[in-house]
């Protein structure tokens, strides 16, 4: 949507956004596999807290960002959303979760 120059392009891109509703539960399911059974409740609490914090901070941050860049490039807000999703994904993907998986495997053995 950052590069859409015509109104019809928005409708064509909306199909991709429909998949976004599937993404959060799927990622949460993958994340719960990385946590020990005895810490699932704590992990779910942390996830709920993170969602609540994001619900407060995101509108403030993104509206400020849009206000700054709306004259030069109104589509920049969409790239900032992509960056805000990519950065945590990249951070978590390079973390060493192997130690947690090995500990879980040793306990099950």
Protein backbone atom coordinates (compact mmCIF):
# COMPACT_ATOMS: atom_id res chain seq x y z
CA UNK A 1 0.00 0.00 0.00
CA UNK A 2 2.99 2.28 0.40
CA UNK A 3 3.49 2.32 -3.36
CA UNK A 4 -0.16 2.32 -4.50
CA UNK A 5 -0.82 5.15 -6.91
CA UNK A 6 -4.40 4.31 -7.88
CA UNK A 7 -7.45 3.62 -5.78
CA UNK A 8 -8.12 0.18 -7.27
CA UNK A 9 -4.70 -1.02 -6.08
CA UNK A 10 -5.86 -0.77 -2.49
CA UNK A 11 -8.65 -3.28 -3.14
CA UNK A 12 -6.22 -5.67 -4.83
CA UNK A 13 -3.84 -5.52 -1.86
CA UNK A 14 -6.61 -6.10 0.70
CA UNK A 15 -6.58 -9.82 -0.05
CA UNK A 16 -3.09 -10.01 1.44
CA UNK A 17 -4.25 -8.21 4.59
CA UNK A 18 -6.98 -10.80 5.09
CA UNK A 19 -4.25 -13.31 5.92
CA UNK A 20 -3.12 -11.11 8.82
CA UNK A 21 -5.91 -12.43 11.03
CA UNK A 22 -4.50 -15.92 10.66
CA UNK A 23 -0.94 -14.89 11.47
CA UNK A 24 -1.21 -13.92 15.15
CA UNK A 25 -2.78 -17.16 16.43
CA UNK A 26 -0.37 -19.21 14.31
CA UNK A 27 2.65 -17.36 15.68
CA UNK A 28 1.31 -17.71 19.22
CA UNK A 29 0.95 -21.44 18.68
CA UNK A 30 4.53 -21.69 17.46
CA UNK A 31 5.77 -19.64 20.41
CA UNK A 32 4.00 -21.80 22.99
CA UNK A 33 5.91 -24.81 21.69
CA UNK A 34 9.14 -23.13 22.79
CA UNK A 35 7.99 -22.77 26.42
CA UNK A 36 7.99 -25.47 29.07
CA UNK A 37 4.56 -26.78 30.15
CA UNK A 38 5.08 -25.50 33.68
CA UNK A 39 5.54 -21.94 32.39
CA UNK A 40 2.66 -21.79 29.90
CA UNK A 41 0.48 -19.62 32.15
CA UNK A 42 3.28 -17.15 32.73
CA UNK A 43 4.03 -17.06 29.02
CA UNK A 44 0.37 -16.43 28.12
CA UNK A 45 0.32 -13.60 30.67
CA UNK A 46 3.37 -12.04 29.08
CA UNK A 47 1.77 -12.31 25.64
CA UNK A 48 -1.45 -10.68 26.89
CA UNK A 49 0.55 -7.90 28.54
CA UNK A 50 2.52 -7.31 25.34
CA UNK A 51 -0.69 -7.07 23.30
CA UNK A 52 -2.16 -4.61 25.82
CA UNK A 53 0.98 -2.48 25.79
CA UNK A 54 1.04 -2.49 21.99
CA UNK A 55 -2.62 -1.44 21.93
CA UNK A 56 -1.68 1.63 23.92
CA UNK A 57 1.67 2.55 22.38
CA UNK A 58 1.05 1.75 18.71
CA UNK A 59 -1.66 4.33 17.99
CA UNK A 60 0.46 7.04 19.60
CA UNK A 61 3.62 6.06 17.74
CA UNK A 62 2.09 5.47 14.33
CA UNK A 63 -0.11 8.58 14.37
CA UNK A 64 2.96 10.67 15.25
CA UNK A 65 4.95 9.01 12.48
CA UNK A 66 2.14 9.61 9.99
CA UNK A 67 1.86 13.26 11.05
CA UNK A 68 5.56 13.81 10.35
CA UNK A 69 5.67 12.07 6.96
CA UNK A 70 2.18 12.66 5.54
CA UNK A 71 3.20 15.61 3.34
CA UNK A 72 6.28 14.01 1.78
CA UNK A 73 5.07 10.42 1.46
CA UNK A 74 1.76 9.27 2.94
CA UNK A 75 2.61 5.65 2.14
CA UNK A 76 5.57 5.68 4.53
CA UNK A 77 3.27 4.60 7.34
CA UNK A 78 2.82 1.22 5.66
CA UNK A 79 6.56 0.66 5.46
CA UNK A 80 6.87 1.57 9.13
CA UNK A 81 4.33 -1.15 9.94
CA UNK A 82 6.37 -3.67 7.97
CA UNK A 83 9.51 -2.57 9.83
CA UNK A 84 7.76 -2.85 13.20
CA UNK A 85 6.78 -6.44 12.38
CA UNK A 86 10.10 -7.42 10.81
CA UNK A 87 12.32 -6.10 13.62
CA UNK A 88 10.93 -8.33 16.43
CA UNK A 89 10.73 -11.29 14.07
CA UNK A 90 14.37 -10.84 13.15
CA UNK A 91 15.35 -10.39 16.80
CA UNK A 92 13.59 -13.56 17.93
CA UNK A 93 14.75 -15.62 14.97
CA UNK A 94 18.42 -15.04 15.80
CA UNK A 95 17.96 -15.84 19.50
CA UNK A 96 19.39 -19.16 20.65
CA UNK A 97 16.33 -21.20 21.48
CA UNK A 98 18.30 -24.40 21.08
CA UNK A 99 19.20 -24.47 24.78
CA UNK A 100 15.53 -24.38 25.74
CA UNK A 101 14.70 -27.15 23.28
CA UNK A 102 17.58 -29.30 24.55
CA UNK A 103 16.49 -28.80 28.16
CA UNK A 104 12.95 -29.84 27.30
CA UNK A 105 14.20 -32.91 25.42
CA UNK A 106 16.41 -33.91 28.37
CA UNK A 107 13.49 -33.60 30.77
CA UNK A 108 11.25 -35.74 28.54
CA UNK A 109 13.97 -38.36 28.19
